[in-house]
Amino acid sequence: MSGHFEAKKIAWRQTKDGLVLALAVHPDEMPKEMALSPLNTRYMIGFAEIGDDEKPKETGSEVGRHAGQHEDSGCAVVPATSSSEPASGSHKRWSEMARSQQAFLLCRDCDFWIYWGAVDQIHAEKKLKQHFRIDSKRDLDKPENHGRWDEFVALYHLHRDRLR
């Protein structure tokens, strides 16, 4: 599951487990899968403050933004599961997905952006195509690219898992 929604911060408090952030989400914007997921399901969250013009506010920081960035880009909200386990409600394990699908999901992952030195999804996709010398993520499904892609993903997962 991935997606985005608008929310308002209504409260936060500190507990023994960390900070608890309470957000108010309009029922029409709440992803059904998220609403129905069990308690303690983990999510990766990307965010941007919304200005009066309904667009993300500039923060003055270059993290997550650059000149010419697509206005609607944002982080994916995806369950943080291991690469071999299906996400809650998911139909396929990571290893069962086409490599082009894996690339699509990785390029929406904010942690991957940091690892890959990208500032948004569009930049991550561009860098990925340049790195693999491909015109489309679908080219990763060709057998000649399988080994390089699998090694690339294994290194990213190793890096990601060390940070947890």
N, C-alpha and C. Protein backbone atom coordinates (compact mmCIF):
# COMPACT_ATOMS: atom_id res chain seq x y z
N MET A 1 0.84 -1.17 0.00
CA MET A 1 0.00 0.00 0.00
C MET A 1 0.89 1.23 0.00
N SER A 2 0.53 2.19 -0.79
CA SER A 2 1.19 3.48 -0.75
C SER A 2 0.17 4.53 -1.12
N GLY A 3 0.43 5.75 -0.78
CA GLY A 3 -0.49 6.83 -1.09
C GLY A 3 -0.14 8.08 -0.33
N HIS A 4 -1.04 9.01 -0.33
CA HIS A 4 -0.85 10.25 0.41
C HIS A 4 -2.21 10.80 0.82
N PHE A 5 -2.20 11.66 1.81
CA PHE A 5 -3.44 12.28 2.27
C PHE A 5 -3.08 13.54 3.04
N GLU A 6 -4.05 14.43 3.17
CA GLU A 6 -3.86 15.64 3.96
C GLU A 6 -4.29 15.35 5.39
N ALA A 7 -3.54 15.87 6.34
CA ALA A 7 -3.86 15.68 7.75
C ALA A 7 -3.51 16.95 8.51
N LYS A 8 -4.18 17.13 9.66
CA LYS A 8 -3.87 18.25 10.55
C LYS A 8 -3.31 17.70 11.84
N LYS A 9 -2.22 18.32 12.31
CA LYS A 9 -1.65 17.94 13.60
C LYS A 9 -2.59 18.45 14.68
N ILE A 10 -3.07 17.54 15.52
CA ILE A 10 -3.97 17.96 16.59
C ILE A 10 -3.38 17.77 17.98
N ALA A 11 -2.35 16.92 18.08
CA ALA A 11 -1.71 16.72 19.39
C ALA A 11 -0.44 15.92 19.23
N TRP A 12 0.43 16.06 20.22
CA TRP A 12 1.57 15.16 20.34
C TRP A 12 1.94 15.07 21.80
N ARG A 13 2.49 13.91 22.15
CA ARG A 13 2.92 13.69 23.53
C ARG A 13 4.08 12.70 23.50
N GLN A 14 4.76 12.63 24.61
CA GLN A 14 5.88 11.70 24.71
C GLN A 14 5.48 10.53 25.58
N THR A 15 5.86 9.32 25.14
CA THR A 15 5.62 8.11 25.92
C THR A 15 6.96 7.39 26.07
N LYS A 16 6.95 6.29 26.79
CA LYS A 16 8.18 5.50 26.95
C LYS A 16 8.66 4.94 25.62
N ASP A 17 7.75 4.82 24.64
CA ASP A 17 8.11 4.27 23.32
C ASP A 17 8.57 5.33 22.34
N GLY A 18 8.37 6.60 22.66
CA GLY A 18 8.74 7.69 21.75
C GLY A 18 7.67 8.76 21.71
N LEU A 19 7.70 9.58 20.68
CA LEU A 19 6.70 10.63 20.53
C LEU A 19 5.47 10.07 19.82
N VAL A 20 4.30 10.47 20.28
CA VAL A 20 3.04 10.07 19.66
C VAL A 20 2.46 11.30 19.00
N LEU A 21 2.31 11.24 17.69
CA LEU A 21 1.77 12.34 16.91
C LEU A 21 0.34 11.99 16.51
N ALA A 22 -0.62 12.83 16.89
CA ALA A 22 -2.02 12.61 16.54
C ALA A 22 -2.37 13.50 15.36
N LEU A 23 -2.93 12.90 14.32
CA LEU A 23 -3.32 13.63 13.12
C LEU A 23 -4.81 13.44 12.87
N ALA A 24 -5.48 14.50 12.45
CA ALA A 24 -6.88 14.41 12.05
C ALA A 24 -6.91 14.29 10.53
N VAL A 25 -7.56 13.24 10.04
CA VAL A 25 -7.65 12.97 8.61
C VAL A 25 -9.13 12.93 8.24
N HIS A 26 -9.50 13.65 7.16
CA HIS A 26 -10.89 13.61 6.70
C HIS A 26 -11.21 12.19 6.27
N PRO A 27 -12.39 11.66 6.60
CA PRO A 27 -12.74 10.28 6.26
C PRO A 27 -12.60 9.96 4.76
N ASP A 28 -12.87 10.94 3.90
CA ASP A 28 -12.75 10.69 2.46
C ASP A 28 -11.31 10.52 2.01
N GLU A 29 -10.36 11.02 2.82
CA GLU A 29 -8.95 10.95 2.43
C GLU A 29 -8.21 9.79 3.10
N MET A 30 -8.81 9.19 4.10
CA MET A 30 -8.14 8.12 4.83
C MET A 30 -8.04 6.86 3.97
N PRO A 31 -6.83 6.38 3.70
CA PRO A 31 -6.69 5.14 2.94
C PRO A 31 -7.35 3.98 3.68
N LYS A 32 -8.22 3.26 3.01
CA LYS A 32 -8.95 2.16 3.63
C LYS A 32 -8.00 1.13 4.24
N GLU A 33 -6.92 0.82 3.49
CA GLU A 33 -5.97 -0.19 3.97
C GLU A 33 -5.33 0.26 5.28
N MET A 34 -5.03 1.56 5.39
CA MET A 34 -4.41 2.07 6.60
C MET A 34 -5.41 2.04 7.76
N ALA A 35 -6.64 2.40 7.47
CA ALA A 35 -7.66 2.41 8.51
C ALA A 35 -7.91 1.01 9.06
N LEU A 36 -7.80 0.02 8.20
CA LEU A 36 -8.09 -1.36 8.60
C LEU A 36 -6.85 -2.14 9.06
N SER A 37 -5.68 -1.55 8.92
CA SER A 37 -4.47 -2.28 9.31
C SER A 37 -4.42 -2.44 10.83
N PRO A 38 -3.79 -3.52 11.29
CA PRO A 38 -3.73 -3.74 12.73
C PRO A 38 -2.88 -2.70 13.44
N LEU A 39 -3.14 -2.50 14.73
CA LEU A 39 -2.31 -1.62 15.53
C LEU A 39 -0.87 -2.11 15.46
N ASN A 40 0.05 -1.21 15.58
CA ASN A 40 1.49 -1.46 15.52
C ASN A 40 2.00 -1.74 14.11
N THR A 41 1.14 -1.56 13.08
CA THR A 41 1.65 -1.62 11.71
C THR A 41 2.54 -0.40 11.53
N ARG A 42 3.73 -0.61 10.97
CA ARG A 42 4.69 0.47 10.82
C ARG A 42 4.55 1.10 9.43
N TYR A 43 4.70 2.42 9.36
CA TYR A 43 4.63 3.15 8.10
C TYR A 43 5.80 4.11 7.98
N MET A 44 6.25 4.30 6.76
CA MET A 44 7.23 5.34 6.48
C MET A 44 6.41 6.57 6.06
N ILE A 45 6.67 7.70 6.68
CA ILE A 45 5.87 8.88 6.43
C ILE A 45 6.75 10.00 5.87
N GLY A 46 6.31 10.59 4.79
CA GLY A 46 6.92 11.81 4.25
C GLY A 46 5.93 12.94 4.47
N PHE A 47 6.40 14.16 4.61
CA PHE A 47 5.46 15.24 4.88
C PHE A 47 5.96 16.56 4.31
N ALA A 48 5.04 17.47 4.11
CA ALA A 48 5.35 18.85 3.71
C ALA A 48 4.22 19.73 4.24
N GLU A 49 4.58 20.85 4.85
CA GLU A 49 3.57 21.79 5.32
C GLU A 49 2.89 22.41 4.10
N ILE A 50 1.57 22.56 4.18
CA ILE A 50 0.80 23.12 3.08
C ILE A 50 0.59 24.61 3.33
N GLY A 51 0.89 25.42 2.31
CA GLY A 51 0.71 26.86 2.41
C GLY A 51 -0.71 27.30 2.05
N ASP A 52 -0.96 28.59 2.12
CA ASP A 52 -2.28 29.14 1.79
C ASP A 52 -2.67 28.87 0.34
N ASP A 53 -1.69 28.65 -0.52
CA ASP A 53 -1.96 28.38 -1.93
C ASP A 53 -2.19 26.89 -2.20
N GLU A 54 -2.30 26.08 -1.12
CA GLU A 54 -2.53 24.64 -1.20
C GLU A 54 -1.34 23.87 -1.79
N LYS A 55 -0.17 24.49 -1.82
CA LYS A 55 1.03 23.84 -2.32
C LYS A 55 2.01 23.69 -1.15
N PRO A 56 2.95 22.72 -1.26
CA PRO A 56 3.95 22.57 -0.19
C PRO A 56 4.74 23.85 0.00
N LYS A 57 4.94 24.23 1.28
CA LYS A 57 5.71 25.42 1.61
C LYS A 57 7.18 25.15 1.40
N GLU A 58 7.91 26.16 0.93
CA GLU A 58 9.37 26.08 0.85
C GLU A 58 9.89 26.20 2.28
N THR A 59 10.87 25.38 2.61
CA THR A 59 11.42 25.43 3.96
C THR A 59 12.75 26.14 4.01
N GLY A 60 13.30 26.44 2.84
CA GLY A 60 14.63 27.02 2.81
C GLY A 60 15.70 25.95 2.78
N SER A 61 15.33 24.72 3.07
CA SER A 61 16.25 23.60 3.03
C SER A 61 16.19 22.95 1.66
N GLU A 62 17.32 22.45 1.20
CA GLU A 62 17.34 21.76 -0.08
C GLU A 62 16.98 20.29 0.07
N VAL A 63 16.82 19.82 1.30
CA VAL A 63 16.46 18.42 1.50
C VAL A 63 15.04 18.21 1.03
N GLY A 64 14.87 17.32 0.07
CA GLY A 64 13.55 16.98 -0.43
C GLY A 64 13.04 17.93 -1.50
N ARG A 65 13.80 19.00 -1.87
CA ARG A 65 13.33 19.92 -2.90
C ARG A 65 14.52 20.40 -3.70
N HIS A 66 14.31 20.69 -4.96
CA HIS A 66 15.35 21.31 -5.77
C HIS A 66 14.68 22.11 -6.87
N ALA A 67 15.43 22.99 -7.49
CA ALA A 67 14.88 23.82 -8.55
C ALA A 67 14.33 22.93 -9.65
N GLY A 68 13.11 23.20 -10.09
CA GLY A 68 12.50 22.44 -11.17
C GLY A 68 11.83 21.15 -10.71
N GLN A 69 11.74 20.92 -9.43
CA GLN A 69 11.10 19.71 -8.94
C GLN A 69 9.63 19.73 -9.28
N HIS A 70 9.10 18.56 -9.58
CA HIS A 70 7.69 18.42 -9.88
C HIS A 70 6.88 18.86 -8.66
N GLU A 71 5.89 19.69 -8.87
CA GLU A 71 5.13 20.29 -7.76
C GLU A 71 4.43 19.26 -6.87
N ASP A 72 3.97 18.15 -7.48
CA ASP A 72 3.15 17.20 -6.72
C ASP A 72 3.96 16.03 -6.17
N SER A 73 5.28 16.07 -6.25
CA SER A 73 6.05 14.94 -5.78
C SER A 73 5.99 14.85 -4.26
N GLY A 74 6.12 13.66 -3.74
CA GLY A 74 6.11 13.45 -2.31
C GLY A 74 6.52 12.04 -1.99
N CYS A 75 6.76 11.78 -0.74
CA CYS A 75 7.18 10.45 -0.33
C CYS A 75 6.00 9.50 -0.35
N ALA A 76 6.31 8.26 -0.58
CA ALA A 76 5.29 7.23 -0.48
C ALA A 76 5.08 6.89 0.99
N VAL A 77 3.90 6.44 1.31
CA VAL A 77 3.62 5.91 2.64
C VAL A 77 3.46 4.42 2.45
N VAL A 78 4.47 3.66 2.87
CA VAL A 78 4.45 2.23 2.64
C VAL A 78 4.76 1.50 3.93
N PRO A 79 4.13 0.34 4.16
CA PRO A 79 4.47 -0.42 5.35
C PRO A 79 5.95 -0.80 5.30
N ALA A 80 6.63 -0.68 6.42
CA ALA A 80 8.04 -1.01 6.49
C ALA A 80 8.19 -2.48 6.84
N THR A 81 8.19 -3.34 5.82
CA THR A 81 8.34 -4.78 6.03
C THR A 81 9.66 -5.21 5.43
N SER A 82 10.09 -6.40 5.79
CA SER A 82 11.34 -6.89 5.19
C SER A 82 11.09 -7.20 3.73
N SER A 83 12.18 -7.32 2.99
CA SER A 83 12.07 -7.50 1.55
C SER A 83 11.45 -8.83 1.16
N SER A 84 11.41 -9.80 2.06
CA SER A 84 10.89 -11.11 1.69
C SER A 84 9.47 -11.35 2.19
N GLU A 85 8.94 -10.47 3.02
CA GLU A 85 7.61 -10.66 3.56
C GLU A 85 6.61 -9.78 2.83
N PRO A 86 5.40 -10.32 2.54
CA PRO A 86 4.41 -9.45 1.93
C PRO A 86 3.90 -8.44 2.94
N ALA A 87 3.60 -7.25 2.50
CA ALA A 87 3.01 -6.25 3.38
C ALA A 87 1.60 -6.67 3.70
N SER A 88 1.06 -6.20 4.82
CA SER A 88 -0.31 -6.51 5.20
C SER A 88 -1.24 -6.11 4.08
N GLY A 89 -2.04 -7.05 3.58
CA GLY A 89 -2.96 -6.75 2.50
C GLY A 89 -2.32 -6.83 1.12
N SER A 90 -1.02 -7.09 1.07
CA SER A 90 -0.31 -7.16 -0.20
C SER A 90 -0.59 -8.51 -0.84
N HIS A 91 -0.50 -8.53 -2.17
CA HIS A 91 -0.76 -9.78 -2.90
C HIS A 91 0.51 -10.51 -3.28
N LYS A 92 1.63 -9.79 -3.35
CA LYS A 92 2.88 -10.40 -3.79
C LYS A 92 4.00 -10.10 -2.81
N ARG A 93 4.89 -11.07 -2.66
CA ARG A 93 6.13 -10.84 -1.94
C ARG A 93 7.03 -10.02 -2.85
N TRP A 94 7.99 -9.33 -2.24
CA TRP A 94 8.94 -8.53 -3.01
C TRP A 94 9.59 -9.38 -4.11
N SER A 95 10.02 -10.59 -3.73
CA SER A 95 10.73 -11.46 -4.68
C SER A 95 9.83 -11.95 -5.81
N GLU A 96 8.52 -11.84 -5.64
CA GLU A 96 7.58 -12.27 -6.69
C GLU A 96 7.23 -11.13 -7.64
N MET A 97 7.61 -9.91 -7.30
CA MET A 97 7.30 -8.76 -8.14
C MET A 97 8.27 -8.69 -9.31
N ALA A 98 7.80 -8.15 -10.43
CA ALA A 98 8.69 -7.86 -11.54
C ALA A 98 9.70 -6.80 -11.06
N ARG A 99 10.88 -6.83 -11.59
CA ARG A 99 11.90 -5.86 -11.18
C ARG A 99 11.48 -4.43 -11.47
N SER A 100 10.69 -4.22 -12.52
CA SER A 100 10.18 -2.87 -12.81
C SER A 100 9.23 -2.41 -11.71
N GLN A 101 8.45 -3.33 -11.13
CA GLN A 101 7.57 -2.98 -10.01
C GLN A 101 8.39 -2.65 -8.77
N GLN A 102 9.45 -3.43 -8.54
CA GLN A 102 10.33 -3.15 -7.42
C GLN A 102 10.94 -1.76 -7.56
N ALA A 103 11.39 -1.43 -8.77
CA ALA A 103 11.99 -0.11 -9.02
C ALA A 103 10.97 0.99 -8.78
N PHE A 104 9.74 0.78 -9.21
CA PHE A 104 8.68 1.77 -8.99
C PHE A 104 8.50 2.04 -7.50
N LEU A 105 8.44 0.98 -6.70
CA LEU A 105 8.25 1.14 -5.26
C LEU A 105 9.47 1.79 -4.60
N LEU A 106 10.66 1.37 -4.99
CA LEU A 106 11.86 1.96 -4.40
C LEU A 106 11.94 3.46 -4.69
N CYS A 107 11.59 3.85 -5.90
CA CYS A 107 11.70 5.26 -6.28
C CYS A 107 10.67 6.13 -5.55
N ARG A 108 9.71 5.53 -4.88
CA ARG A 108 8.73 6.28 -4.08
C ARG A 108 9.09 6.29 -2.60
N ASP A 109 10.17 5.62 -2.25
CA ASP A 109 10.58 5.41 -0.86
C ASP A 109 11.55 6.52 -0.43
N CYS A 110 11.17 7.31 0.56
CA CYS A 110 12.00 8.42 1.02
C CYS A 110 13.36 7.96 1.54
N ASP A 111 13.42 6.81 2.21
CA ASP A 111 14.70 6.29 2.67
C ASP A 111 15.61 5.97 1.48
N PHE A 112 15.01 5.45 0.42
CA PHE A 112 15.79 5.17 -0.79
C PHE A 112 16.33 6.46 -1.39
N TRP A 113 15.52 7.52 -1.35
CA TRP A 113 15.99 8.81 -1.89
C TRP A 113 17.28 9.23 -1.18
N ILE A 114 17.28 9.11 0.13
CA ILE A 114 18.46 9.51 0.91
C ILE A 114 19.65 8.62 0.54
N TYR A 115 19.43 7.32 0.52
CA TYR A 115 20.49 6.37 0.17
C TYR A 115 21.03 6.64 -1.23
N TRP A 116 20.15 6.93 -2.16
CA TRP A 116 20.48 7.06 -3.57
C TRP A 116 20.90 8.49 -3.94
N GLY A 117 20.78 9.42 -3.00
CA GLY A 117 21.16 10.81 -3.25
C GLY A 117 20.15 11.52 -4.13
N ALA A 118 18.90 11.12 -4.06
CA ALA A 118 17.83 11.75 -4.84
C ALA A 118 17.02 12.66 -3.94
N VAL A 119 16.33 13.61 -4.54
CA VAL A 119 15.53 14.55 -3.76
C VAL A 119 14.03 14.31 -3.89
N ASP A 120 13.63 13.48 -4.84
CA ASP A 120 12.22 13.15 -5.01
C ASP A 120 12.11 11.92 -5.91
N GLN A 121 10.88 11.50 -6.17
CA GLN A 121 10.64 10.31 -6.98
C GLN A 121 11.17 10.48 -8.40
N ILE A 122 10.92 11.61 -8.99
CA ILE A 122 11.35 11.85 -10.37
C ILE A 122 12.87 11.79 -10.47
N HIS A 123 13.55 12.41 -9.52
CA HIS A 123 15.02 12.40 -9.51
C HIS A 123 15.55 10.98 -9.29
N ALA A 124 14.92 10.22 -8.40
CA ALA A 124 15.34 8.83 -8.15
C ALA A 124 15.20 7.99 -9.41
N GLU A 125 14.08 8.15 -10.13
CA GLU A 125 13.87 7.39 -11.36
C GLU A 125 14.91 7.76 -12.41
N LYS A 126 15.20 9.04 -12.54
CA LYS A 126 16.18 9.51 -13.52
C LYS A 126 17.56 8.93 -13.21
N LYS A 127 17.97 9.00 -11.93
CA LYS A 127 19.28 8.47 -11.54
C LYS A 127 19.34 6.95 -11.75
N LEU A 128 18.24 6.27 -11.46
CA LEU A 128 18.20 4.82 -11.64
C LEU A 128 18.37 4.45 -13.11
N LYS A 129 17.68 5.14 -13.99
CA LYS A 129 17.79 4.88 -15.44
C LYS A 129 19.21 5.17 -15.93
N GLN A 130 19.82 6.24 -15.43
CA GLN A 130 21.18 6.56 -15.82
C GLN A 130 22.16 5.49 -15.32
N HIS A 131 21.99 5.09 -14.07
CA HIS A 131 22.89 4.10 -13.47
C HIS A 131 22.85 2.78 -14.23
N PHE A 132 21.65 2.34 -14.57
CA PHE A 132 21.49 1.05 -15.25
C PHE A 132 21.55 1.19 -16.77
N ARG A 133 21.69 2.43 -17.25
CA ARG A 133 21.73 2.70 -18.70
C ARG A 133 20.53 2.10 -19.41
N ILE A 134 19.34 2.47 -18.89
CA ILE A 134 18.08 1.98 -19.46
C ILE A 134 17.18 3.17 -19.78
N ASP A 135 16.24 2.96 -20.68
CA ASP A 135 15.29 4.01 -21.06
C ASP A 135 14.01 3.95 -20.24
N SER A 136 13.70 2.77 -19.71
CA SER A 136 12.47 2.56 -18.96
C SER A 136 12.74 1.57 -17.84
N LYS A 137 12.00 1.71 -16.73
CA LYS A 137 12.14 0.75 -15.63
C LYS A 137 11.81 -0.67 -16.11
N ARG A 138 10.98 -0.80 -17.14
CA ARG A 138 10.64 -2.13 -17.68
C ARG A 138 11.85 -2.87 -18.22
N ASP A 139 12.88 -2.10 -18.61
CA ASP A 139 14.11 -2.74 -19.09
C ASP A 139 14.76 -3.58 -18.00
N LEU A 140 14.45 -3.30 -16.73
CA LEU A 140 14.98 -4.10 -15.63
C LEU A 140 14.42 -5.52 -15.63
N ASP A 141 13.30 -5.73 -16.34
CA ASP A 141 12.69 -7.05 -16.43
C ASP A 141 13.41 -7.95 -17.43
N LYS A 142 14.31 -7.37 -18.22
CA LYS A 142 15.07 -8.16 -19.20
C LYS A 142 16.12 -8.98 -18.45
N PRO A 143 16.29 -10.26 -18.82
CA PRO A 143 17.22 -11.14 -18.11
C PRO A 143 18.63 -10.58 -17.96
N GLU A 144 19.12 -9.82 -18.93
CA GLU A 144 20.49 -9.31 -18.84
C GLU A 144 20.67 -8.29 -17.71
N ASN A 145 19.56 -7.76 -17.17
CA ASN A 145 19.63 -6.78 -16.08
C ASN A 145 19.31 -7.37 -14.71
N HIS A 146 18.87 -8.62 -14.67
CA HIS A 146 18.43 -9.23 -13.40
C HIS A 146 19.53 -9.25 -12.35
N GLY A 147 20.71 -9.72 -12.71
CA GLY A 147 21.79 -9.86 -11.73
C GLY A 147 22.21 -8.52 -11.15
N ARG A 148 22.39 -7.51 -12.00
CA ARG A 148 22.79 -6.19 -11.51
C ARG A 148 21.71 -5.60 -10.61
N TRP A 149 20.43 -5.75 -11.02
CA TRP A 149 19.34 -5.19 -10.21
C TRP A 149 19.28 -5.89 -8.86
N ASP A 150 19.33 -7.21 -8.86
CA ASP A 150 19.22 -7.96 -7.61
C ASP A 150 20.35 -7.59 -6.65
N GLU A 151 21.56 -7.41 -7.18
CA GLU A 151 22.68 -7.01 -6.33
C GLU A 151 22.46 -5.60 -5.79
N PHE A 152 21.99 -4.70 -6.64
CA PHE A 152 21.71 -3.32 -6.24
C PHE A 152 20.69 -3.28 -5.10
N VAL A 153 19.61 -4.04 -5.25
CA VAL A 153 18.55 -4.07 -4.23
C VAL A 153 19.07 -4.70 -2.93
N ALA A 154 19.86 -5.76 -3.06
CA ALA A 154 20.41 -6.42 -1.87
C ALA A 154 21.29 -5.46 -1.07
N LEU A 155 22.09 -4.66 -1.77
CA LEU A 155 22.93 -3.68 -1.08
C LEU A 155 22.09 -2.61 -0.40
N TYR A 156 21.03 -2.16 -1.06
CA TYR A 156 20.15 -1.16 -0.43
C TYR A 156 19.48 -1.75 0.81
N HIS A 157 18.96 -2.97 0.71
CA HIS A 157 18.29 -3.59 1.86
C HIS A 157 19.26 -3.81 3.01
N LEU A 158 20.50 -4.17 2.70
CA LEU A 158 21.52 -4.32 3.73
C LEU A 158 21.74 -2.99 4.45
N HIS A 159 21.88 -1.93 3.67
CA HIS A 159 22.05 -0.59 4.24
C HIS A 159 20.85 -0.20 5.10
N ARG A 160 19.65 -0.39 4.56
CA ARG A 160 18.42 -0.02 5.27
C ARG A 160 18.27 -0.80 6.57
N ASP A 161 18.55 -2.10 6.51
CA ASP A 161 18.38 -2.94 7.70
C ASP A 161 19.41 -2.61 8.78
N ARG A 162 20.60 -2.13 8.41
CA ARG A 162 21.60 -1.72 9.39
C ARG A 162 21.17 -0.49 10.15
N LEU A 163 20.36 0.36 9.51
CA LEU A 163 19.90 1.59 10.15
C LEU A 163 18.77 1.34 11.14
N ARG A 164 18.13 0.22 11.07
CA ARG A 164 16.98 -0.07 11.94
C ARG A 164 17.42 -0.58 13.28
